[in-house]
Every structure is written in C-alpha cells, then in structure tokens.
All heavy atoms as atom14 arrays in JSON, in Angstrom:
{
  "sequence": "VQAGGSLRLSCAASGRTFSSYAMGWFRQAPGKEREFVAG",
  "atom14_mask": [
    [1, 1, 1, 1, 1, 1, 1, 0, 0, 0, 0, 0, 0, 0],
    [1, 1, 1, 1, 1, 1, 1, 1, 1, 0, 0, 0, 0, 0],
    [1, 1, 1, 1, 1, 0, 0, 0, 0, 0, 0, 0, 0, 0],
    [1, 1, 1, 1, 0, 0, 0, 0, 0, 0, 0, 0, 0, 0],
    [1, 1, 1, 1, 0, 0, 0, 0, 0, 0, 0, 0, 0, 0],
    [1, 1, 1, 1, 1, 1, 0, 0, 0, 0, 0, 0, 0, 0],
    [1, 1, 1, 1, 1, 1, 1, 1, 0, 0, 0, 0, 0, 0],
    [1, 1, 1, 1, 1, 1, 1, 1, 1, 1, 1, 0, 0, 0],
    [1, 1, 1, 1, 1, 1, 1, 1, 0, 0, 0, 0, 0, 0],
    [1, 1, 1, 1, 1, 1, 0, 0, 0, 0, 0, 0, 0, 0],
    [1, 1, 1, 1, 1, 1, 0, 0, 0, 0, 0, 0, 0, 0],
    [1, 1, 1, 1, 1, 0, 0, 0, 0, 0, 0, 0, 0, 0],
    [1, 1, 1, 1, 1, 0, 0, 0, 0, 0, 0, 0, 0, 0],
    [1, 1, 1, 1, 1, 1, 0, 0, 0, 0, 0, 0, 0, 0],
    [1, 1, 1, 1, 0, 0, 0, 0, 0, 0, 0, 0, 0, 0],
    [1, 1, 1, 1, 1, 1, 1, 1, 1, 1, 1, 0, 0, 0],
    [1, 1, 1, 1, 1, 1, 1, 0, 0, 0, 0, 0, 0, 0],
    [1, 1, 1, 1, 1, 1, 1, 1, 1, 1, 1, 0, 0, 0],
    [1, 1, 1, 1, 1, 1, 0, 0, 0, 0, 0, 0, 0, 0],
    [1, 1, 1, 1, 1, 1, 0, 0, 0, 0, 0, 0, 0, 0],
    [1, 1, 1, 1, 1, 1, 1, 1, 1, 1, 1, 1, 0, 0],
    [1, 1, 1, 1, 1, 0, 0, 0, 0, 0, 0, 0, 0, 0],
    [1, 1, 1, 1, 1, 1, 1, 1, 0, 0, 0, 0, 0, 0],
    [1, 1, 1, 1, 0, 0, 0, 0, 0, 0, 0, 0, 0, 0],
    [1, 1, 1, 1, 1, 1, 1, 1, 1, 1, 1, 1, 1, 1],
    [1, 1, 1, 1, 1, 1, 1, 1, 1, 1, 1, 0, 0, 0],
    [1, 1, 1, 1, 1, 1, 1, 1, 1, 1, 1, 0, 0, 0],
    [1, 1, 1, 1, 1, 1, 1, 1, 1, 0, 0, 0, 0, 0],
    [1, 1, 1, 1, 1, 0, 0, 0, 0, 0, 0, 0, 0, 0],
    [1, 1, 1, 1, 1, 1, 1, 0, 0, 0, 0, 0, 0, 0],
    [1, 1, 1, 1, 0, 0, 0, 0, 0, 0, 0, 0, 0, 0],
    [1, 1, 1, 1, 1, 1, 1, 1, 1, 0, 0, 0, 0, 0],
    [1, 1, 1, 1, 1, 1, 1, 1, 1, 0, 0, 0, 0, 0],
    [1, 1, 1, 1, 1, 1, 1, 1, 1, 1, 1, 0, 0, 0],
    [1, 1, 1, 1, 1, 1, 1, 1, 1, 0, 0, 0, 0, 0],
    [1, 1, 1, 1, 1, 1, 1, 1, 1, 1, 1, 0, 0, 0],
    [1, 1, 1, 1, 1, 1, 1, 0, 0, 0, 0, 0, 0, 0],
    [1, 1, 1, 1, 1, 0, 0, 0, 0, 0, 0, 0, 0, 0],
    [1, 1, 1, 1, 0, 0, 0, 0, 0, 0, 0, 0, 0, 0]
  ],
  "atom14_positions": [
    [[-13.89, -8.82, 1.71], [-13.6, -10.25, 1.62], [-13.84, -10.92, 2.96], [-13.85, -10.27, 4.01], [-12.16, -10.52, 1.15], [-11.91, -9.93, -0.22], [-11.17, -9.94, 2.16], [0.0, 0.0, 0.0], [0.0, 0.0, 0.0], [0.0, 0.0, 0.0], [0.0, 0.0, 0.0], [0.0, 0.0, 0.0], [0.0, 0.0, 0.0], [0.0, 0.0, 0.0]],
    [[-14.01, -12.22, 2.92], [-14.15, -12.99, 4.14], [-12.78, -13.3, 4.73], [-11.78, -13.31, 4.02], [-14.9, -14.29, 3.86], [-16.34, -14.11, 3.44], [-17.06, -15.43, 3.22], [-16.43, -16.49, 3.14], [-18.37, -15.37, 3.14], [0.0, 0.0, 0.0], [0.0, 0.0, 0.0], [0.0, 0.0, 0.0], [0.0, 0.0, 0.0], [0.0, 0.0, 0.0]],
    [[-12.74, -13.54, 6.01], [-11.5, -13.93, 6.66], [-10.88, -15.13, 5.95], [-11.57, -16.08, 5.58], [-11.75, -14.26, 8.13], [0.0, 0.0, 0.0], [0.0, 0.0, 0.0], [0.0, 0.0, 0.0], [0.0, 0.0, 0.0], [0.0, 0.0, 0.0], [0.0, 0.0, 0.0], [0.0, 0.0, 0.0], [0.0, 0.0, 0.0], [0.0, 0.0, 0.0]],
    [[-9.57, -15.06, 5.74], [-8.86, -16.11, 5.02], [-8.75, -15.86, 3.54], [-8.01, -16.58, 2.84], [0.0, 0.0, 0.0], [0.0, 0.0, 0.0], [0.0, 0.0, 0.0], [0.0, 0.0, 0.0], [0.0, 0.0, 0.0], [0.0, 0.0, 0.0], [0.0, 0.0, 0.0], [0.0, 0.0, 0.0], [0.0, 0.0, 0.0], [0.0, 0.0, 0.0]],
    [[-9.42, -14.85, 3.04], [-9.4, -14.54, 1.63], [-8.16, -13.76, 1.22], [-7.31, -13.43, 2.05], [0.0, 0.0, 0.0], [0.0, 0.0, 0.0], [0.0, 0.0, 0.0], [0.0, 0.0, 0.0], [0.0, 0.0, 0.0], [0.0, 0.0, 0.0], [0.0, 0.0, 0.0], [0.0, 0.0, 0.0], [0.0, 0.0, 0.0], [0.0, 0.0, 0.0]],
    [[-8.08, -13.46, -0.07], [-6.92, -12.78, -0.62], [-7.33, -11.65, -1.55], [-8.42, -11.66, -2.14], [-6.05, -13.76, -1.42], [-5.57, -14.8, -0.6], [0.0, 0.0, 0.0], [0.0, 0.0, 0.0], [0.0, 0.0, 0.0], [0.0, 0.0, 0.0], [0.0, 0.0, 0.0], [0.0, 0.0, 0.0], [0.0, 0.0, 0.0], [0.0, 0.0, 0.0]],
    [[-6.45, -10.69, -1.68], [-6.61, -9.59, -2.61], [-5.24, -9.23, -3.17], [-4.22, -9.51, -2.55], [-7.2, -8.35, -1.93], [-8.65, -8.39, -1.48], [-8.94, -7.16, -0.6], [-9.59, -8.4, -2.67], [0.0, 0.0, 0.0], [0.0, 0.0, 0.0], [0.0, 0.0, 0.0], [0.0, 0.0, 0.0], [0.0, 0.0, 0.0], [0.0, 0.0, 0.0]],
    [[-5.23, -8.59, -4.32], [-4.01, -7.99, -4.82], [-4.25, -6.51, -5.03], [-5.03, -6.11, -5.89], [-3.53, -8.62, -6.13], [-2.13, -8.14, -6.51], [-1.58, -8.77, -7.77], [-2.19, -8.22, -8.97], [-1.66, -8.3, -10.18], [-0.5, -8.94, -10.35], [-2.3, -7.79, -11.22], [0.0, 0.0, 0.0], [0.0, 0.0, 0.0], [0.0, 0.0, 0.0]],
    [[-3.59, -5.72, -4.22], [-3.69, -4.27, -4.34], [-2.66, -3.78, -5.35], [-1.54, -4.28, -5.39], [-3.44, -3.6, -2.99], [-4.26, -4.13, -1.8], [-3.97, -3.29, -0.56], [-5.74, -4.14, -2.11], [0.0, 0.0, 0.0], [0.0, 0.0, 0.0], [0.0, 0.0, 0.0], [0.0, 0.0, 0.0], [0.0, 0.0, 0.0], [0.0, 0.0, 0.0]],
    [[-3.05, -2.8, -6.13], [-2.16, -2.24, -7.13], [-2.01, -0.74, -6.91], [-2.94, -0.07, -6.45], [-2.69, -2.49, -8.54], [-2.75, -3.86, -8.83], [0.0, 0.0, 0.0], [0.0, 0.0, 0.0], [0.0, 0.0, 0.0], [0.0, 0.0, 0.0], [0.0, 0.0, 0.0], [0.0, 0.0, 0.0], [0.0, 0.0, 0.0], [0.0, 0.0, 0.0]],
    [[-0.86, -0.23, -7.25], [-0.57, 1.19, -7.18], [0.07, 1.59, -8.49], [1.22, 1.23, -8.76], [0.34, 1.5, -6.0], [0.92, 3.21, -5.92], [0.0, 0.0, 0.0], [0.0, 0.0, 0.0], [0.0, 0.0, 0.0], [0.0, 0.0, 0.0], [0.0, 0.0, 0.0], [0.0, 0.0, 0.0], [0.0, 0.0, 0.0], [0.0, 0.0, 0.0]],
    [[-0.66, 2.32, -9.3], [-0.16, 2.78, -10.59], [0.4, 4.18, -10.44], [-0.28, 5.08, -9.93], [-1.27, 2.75, -11.63], [0.0, 0.0, 0.0], [0.0, 0.0, 0.0], [0.0, 0.0, 0.0], [0.0, 0.0, 0.0], [0.0, 0.0, 0.0], [0.0, 0.0, 0.0], [0.0, 0.0, 0.0], [0.0, 0.0, 0.0], [0.0, 0.0, 0.0]],
    [[1.62, 4.37, -10.88], [2.29, 5.66, -10.76], [2.43, 6.33, -12.11], [2.57, 5.68, -13.14], [3.68, 5.48, -10.14], [0.0, 0.0, 0.0], [0.0, 0.0, 0.0], [0.0, 0.0, 0.0], [0.0, 0.0, 0.0], [0.0, 0.0, 0.0], [0.0, 0.0, 0.0], [0.0, 0.0, 0.0], [0.0, 0.0, 0.0], [0.0, 0.0, 0.0]],
    [[2.37, 7.64, -12.1], [2.68, 8.4, -13.31], [4.16, 8.24, -13.61], [4.93, 7.8, -12.75], [2.3, 9.86, -13.12], [3.07, 10.45, -12.1], [0.0, 0.0, 0.0], [0.0, 0.0, 0.0], [0.0, 0.0, 0.0], [0.0, 0.0, 0.0], [0.0, 0.0, 0.0], [0.0, 0.0, 0.0], [0.0, 0.0, 0.0], [0.0, 0.0, 0.0]],
    [[4.54, 8.62, -14.81], [5.92, 8.46, -15.24], [6.93, 9.09, -14.3], [6.95, 8.81, -13.1], [0.0, 0.0, 0.0], [0.0, 0.0, 0.0], [0.0, 0.0, 0.0], [0.0, 0.0, 0.0], [0.0, 0.0, 0.0], [0.0, 0.0, 0.0], [0.0, 0.0, 0.0], [0.0, 0.0, 0.0], [0.0, 0.0, 0.0], [0.0, 0.0, 0.0]],
    [[7.75, 9.94, -14.86], [8.75, 10.66, -14.09], [9.67, 9.7, -13.34], [9.75, 9.71, -12.11], [8.11, 11.65, -13.12], [9.08, 12.63, -12.52], [8.39, 13.67, -11.66], [9.32, 14.57, -11.03], [8.98, 15.58, -10.24], [7.7, 15.82, -10.0], [9.91, 16.34, -9.7], [0.0, 0.0, 0.0], [0.0, 0.0, 0.0], [0.0, 0.0, 0.0]],
    [[10.34, 8.87, -14.07], [11.34, 7.94, -13.54], [10.85, 7.19, -12.32], [11.44, 7.29, -11.23], [12.66, 8.68, -13.24], [12.43, 9.72, -12.29], [13.26, 9.25, -14.5], [0.0, 0.0, 0.0], [0.0, 0.0, 0.0], [0.0, 0.0, 0.0], [0.0, 0.0, 0.0], [0.0, 0.0, 0.0], [0.0, 0.0, 0.0], [0.0, 0.0, 0.0]],
    [[9.78, 6.43, -12.48], [9.23, 5.64, -11.41], [10.27, 4.74, -10.76], [10.25, 4.54, -9.54], [8.07, 4.8, -11.95], [7.52, 3.79, -10.99], [6.69, 4.18, -9.96], [7.83, 2.44, -11.12], [6.17, 3.26, -9.07], [7.32, 1.5, -10.24], [6.49, 1.92, -9.21], [0.0, 0.0, 0.0], [0.0, 0.0, 0.0], [0.0, 0.0, 0.0]],
    [[11.18, 4.22, -11.54], [12.16, 3.28, -11.01], [13.13, 3.92, -10.02], [13.83, 3.2, -9.31], [12.94, 2.63, -12.16], [13.65, 3.6, -12.91], [0.0, 0.0, 0.0], [0.0, 0.0, 0.0], [0.0, 0.0, 0.0], [0.0, 0.0, 0.0], [0.0, 0.0, 0.0], [0.0, 0.0, 0.0], [0.0, 0.0, 0.0], [0.0, 0.0, 0.0]],
    [[13.17, 5.23, -9.95], [14.08, 5.9, -9.03], [13.47, 6.14, -7.66], [14.11, 6.74, -6.79], [14.54, 7.23, -9.63], [13.47, 8.16, -9.7], [0.0, 0.0, 0.0], [0.0, 0.0, 0.0], [0.0, 0.0, 0.0], [0.0, 0.0, 0.0], [0.0, 0.0, 0.0], [0.0, 0.0, 0.0], [0.0, 0.0, 0.0], [0.0, 0.0, 0.0]],
    [[12.25, 5.68, -7.43], [11.55, 5.89, -6.17], [11.44, 4.62, -5.36], [11.08, 3.56, -5.88], [10.14, 6.42, -6.43], [10.09, 7.84, -6.94], [10.3, 8.12, -8.28], [9.83, 8.89, -6.07], [10.26, 9.42, -8.75], [9.78, 10.2, -6.54], [9.99, 10.46, -7.87], [9.93, 11.76, -8.34], [0.0, 0.0, 0.0], [0.0, 0.0, 0.0]],
    [[11.73, 4.74, -4.08], [11.36, 3.68, -3.16], [9.86, 3.8, -2.88], [9.29, 4.9, -2.92], [12.15, 3.79, -1.86], [0.0, 0.0, 0.0], [0.0, 0.0, 0.0], [0.0, 0.0, 0.0], [0.0, 0.0, 0.0], [0.0, 0.0, 0.0], [0.0, 0.0, 0.0], [0.0, 0.0, 0.0], [0.0, 0.0, 0.0], [0.0, 0.0, 0.0]],
    [[9.22, 2.69, -2.59], [7.77, 2.66, -2.44], [7.38, 1.96, -1.15], [8.15, 1.17, -0.59], [7.13, 1.93, -3.62], [7.51, 2.45, -4.99], [6.72, 4.03, -5.38], [5.0, 3.51, -5.56], [0.0, 0.0, 0.0], [0.0, 0.0, 0.0], [0.0, 0.0, 0.0], [0.0, 0.0, 0.0], [0.0, 0.0, 0.0], [0.0, 0.0, 0.0]],
    [[6.16, 2.23, -0.71], [5.68, 1.56, 0.48], [4.17, 1.5, 0.53], [3.47, 2.22, -0.2], [0.0, 0.0, 0.0], [0.0, 0.0, 0.0], [0.0, 0.0, 0.0], [0.0, 0.0, 0.0], [0.0, 0.0, 0.0], [0.0, 0.0, 0.0], [0.0, 0.0, 0.0], [0.0, 0.0, 0.0], [0.0, 0.0, 0.0], [0.0, 0.0, 0.0]],
    [[3.68, 0.61, 1.36], [2.26, 0.52, 1.67], [2.05, 0.8, 3.15], [2.78, 0.27, 4.0], [1.71, -0.87, 1.36], [1.56, -1.18, -0.1], [2.44, -1.85, -0.89], [0.45, -0.84, -0.93], [1.96, -1.95, -2.16], [0.73, -1.34, -2.22], [-0.76, -0.16, -0.71], [-0.15, -1.18, -3.29], [-1.63, -0.01, -1.78], [-1.32, -0.51, -3.04]],
    [[1.07, 1.62, 3.45], [0.66, 1.93, 4.81], [-0.83, 1.66, 4.94], [-1.54, 1.61, 3.94], [0.97, 3.38, 5.16], [2.43, 3.69, 5.27], [3.2, 3.86, 4.13], [3.03, 3.83, 6.51], [4.56, 4.15, 4.22], [4.39, 4.12, 6.62], [5.15, 4.28, 5.48], [0.0, 0.0, 0.0], [0.0, 0.0, 0.0], [0.0, 0.0, 0.0]],
    [[-1.31, 1.53, 6.16], [-2.73, 1.36, 6.36], [-3.18, 2.13, 7.6], [-2.41, 2.36, 8.51], [-3.11, -0.12, 6.49], [-2.56, -0.81, 7.73], [-2.87, -2.31, 7.68], [-2.41, -3.01, 8.86], [-2.43, -4.33, 9.02], [-2.9, -5.1, 8.04], [-1.99, -4.87, 10.14], [0.0, 0.0, 0.0], [0.0, 0.0, 0.0], [0.0, 0.0, 0.0]],
    [[-4.44, 2.5, 7.6], [-5.0, 3.24, 8.71], [-6.44, 2.8, 8.95], [-7.27, 2.87, 8.05], [-4.95, 4.74, 8.44], [-5.35, 5.59, 9.63], [-5.0, 7.06, 9.44], [-4.84, 7.52, 8.32], [-4.88, 7.78, 10.54], [0.0, 0.0, 0.0], [0.0, 0.0, 0.0], [0.0, 0.0, 0.0], [0.0, 0.0, 0.0], [0.0, 0.0, 0.0]],
    [[-6.7, 2.36, 10.16], [-8.04, 1.98, 10.57], [-8.67, 3.13, 11.35], [-7.96, 3.98, 11.91], [-7.99, 0.72, 11.42], [0.0, 0.0, 0.0], [0.0, 0.0, 0.0], [0.0, 0.0, 0.0], [0.0, 0.0, 0.0], [0.0, 0.0, 0.0], [0.0, 0.0, 0.0], [0.0, 0.0, 0.0], [0.0, 0.0, 0.0], [0.0, 0.0, 0.0]],
    [[-10.0, 3.18, 11.42], [-10.65, 4.26, 12.17], [-10.15, 4.34, 13.61], [-10.07, 3.33, 14.31], [-12.13, 3.86, 12.12], [-12.26, 3.07, 10.86], [-10.97, 2.29, 10.77], [0.0, 0.0, 0.0], [0.0, 0.0, 0.0], [0.0, 0.0, 0.0], [0.0, 0.0, 0.0], [0.0, 0.0, 0.0], [0.0, 0.0, 0.0], [0.0, 0.0, 0.0]],
    [[-9.79, 5.54, 14.03], [-9.31, 5.75, 15.38], [-7.88, 5.31, 15.62], [-7.4, 5.4, 16.75], [0.0, 0.0, 0.0], [0.0, 0.0, 0.0], [0.0, 0.0, 0.0], [0.0, 0.0, 0.0], [0.0, 0.0, 0.0], [0.0, 0.0, 0.0], [0.0, 0.0, 0.0], [0.0, 0.0, 0.0], [0.0, 0.0, 0.0], [0.0, 0.0, 0.0]],
    [[-7.21, 4.85, 14.58], [-5.83, 4.38, 14.71], [-4.87, 5.28, 13.93], [-5.27, 6.0, 13.02], [-5.7, 2.95, 14.18], [-6.62, 1.93, 14.84], [-6.15, 1.59, 16.23], [-6.99, 0.45, 16.81], [-6.52, 0.06, 18.16], [0.0, 0.0, 0.0], [0.0, 0.0, 0.0], [0.0, 0.0, 0.0], [0.0, 0.0, 0.0], [0.0, 0.0, 0.0]],
    [[-3.6, 5.22, 14.3], [-2.58, 5.93, 13.55], [-2.23, 5.17, 12.28], [-2.39, 3.95, 12.21], [-1.32, 6.12, 14.41], [-1.51, 7.02, 15.61], [-0.21, 7.24, 16.36], [0.71, 6.42, 16.22], [-0.12, 8.25, 17.09], [0.0, 0.0, 0.0], [0.0, 0.0, 0.0], [0.0, 0.0, 0.0], [0.0, 0.0, 0.0], [0.0, 0.0, 0.0]],
    [[-1.75, 5.9, 11.3], [-1.3, 5.26, 10.09], [-0.06, 4.42, 10.39], [0.88, 4.89, 11.03], [-0.99, 6.31, 9.02], [-0.68, 5.73, 7.65], [-0.64, 6.84, 6.6], [-1.91, 7.52, 6.49], [-2.18, 8.46, 5.59], [-1.25, 8.82, 4.7], [-3.37, 9.05, 5.57], [0.0, 0.0, 0.0], [0.0, 0.0, 0.0], [0.0, 0.0, 0.0]],
    [[-0.04, 3.18, 9.93], [1.05, 2.29, 10.25], [1.68, 1.7, 9.0], [1.02, 1.48, 7.98], [0.59, 1.16, 11.17], [-0.42, 0.21, 10.55], [-0.74, -0.98, 11.44], [0.02, -1.25, 12.39], [-1.77, -1.65, 11.19], [0.0, 0.0, 0.0], [0.0, 0.0, 0.0], [0.0, 0.0, 0.0], [0.0, 0.0, 0.0], [0.0, 0.0, 0.0]],
    [[2.96, 1.43, 9.1], [3.71, 0.82, 8.03], [3.28, -0.62, 7.82], [3.09, -1.36, 8.77], [5.21, 0.87, 8.36], [6.08, 0.13, 7.41], [6.42, 0.66, 6.18], [6.6, -1.11, 7.75], [7.24, -0.01, 5.3], [7.42, -1.8, 6.89], [7.74, -1.24, 5.66], [0.0, 0.0, 0.0], [0.0, 0.0, 0.0], [0.0, 0.0, 0.0]],
    [[3.15, -1.01, 6.56], [2.8, -2.38, 6.21], [3.96, -3.07, 5.49], [4.4, -4.15, 5.9], [1.54, -2.43, 5.33], [1.26, -3.86, 4.88], [0.35, -1.85, 6.07], [0.0, 0.0, 0.0], [0.0, 0.0, 0.0], [0.0, 0.0, 0.0], [0.0, 0.0, 0.0], [0.0, 0.0, 0.0], [0.0, 0.0, 0.0], [0.0, 0.0, 0.0]],
    [[4.44, -2.47, 4.43], [5.51, -3.06, 3.64], [6.22, -1.98, 2.84], [5.62, -0.97, 2.48], [4.98, -4.15, 2.7], [0.0, 0.0, 0.0], [0.0, 0.0, 0.0], [0.0, 0.0, 0.0], [0.0, 0.0, 0.0], [0.0, 0.0, 0.0], [0.0, 0.0, 0.0], [0.0, 0.0, 0.0], [0.0, 0.0, 0.0], [0.0, 0.0, 0.0]],
    [[7.49, -2.21, 2.54], [8.25, -1.28, 1.73], [9.14, -2.02, 0.76], [9.46, -3.19, 0.96], [0.0, 0.0, 0.0], [0.0, 0.0, 0.0], [0.0, 0.0, 0.0], [0.0, 0.0, 0.0], [0.0, 0.0, 0.0], [0.0, 0.0, 0.0], [0.0, 0.0, 0.0], [0.0, 0.0, 0.0], [0.0, 0.0, 0.0], [0.0, 0.0, 0.0]]
  ]
}
C-alpha cells in the first residue's frame, strides 16, 4: 500500500476454546528484532 493507506489484517484460529486465549500482533522488519504491536 501507499503511505497513508489502510489494511485490515486477520488472524483465523482453529477451535479449541479460542475465547480462552489472549492474543497479540507482533512485527519484524529485516535486520530488526521482533517487536510488540498490539495485544
């Protein structure tokens, strides 16, 4: 996307009581450590 644009990322989970899990998003750029984005 171009700067200023938007996306909606989705994460589909298998069953097994999905509602009992805390979730998070992380990101990693080349040469960088994986970093927390949102939880």
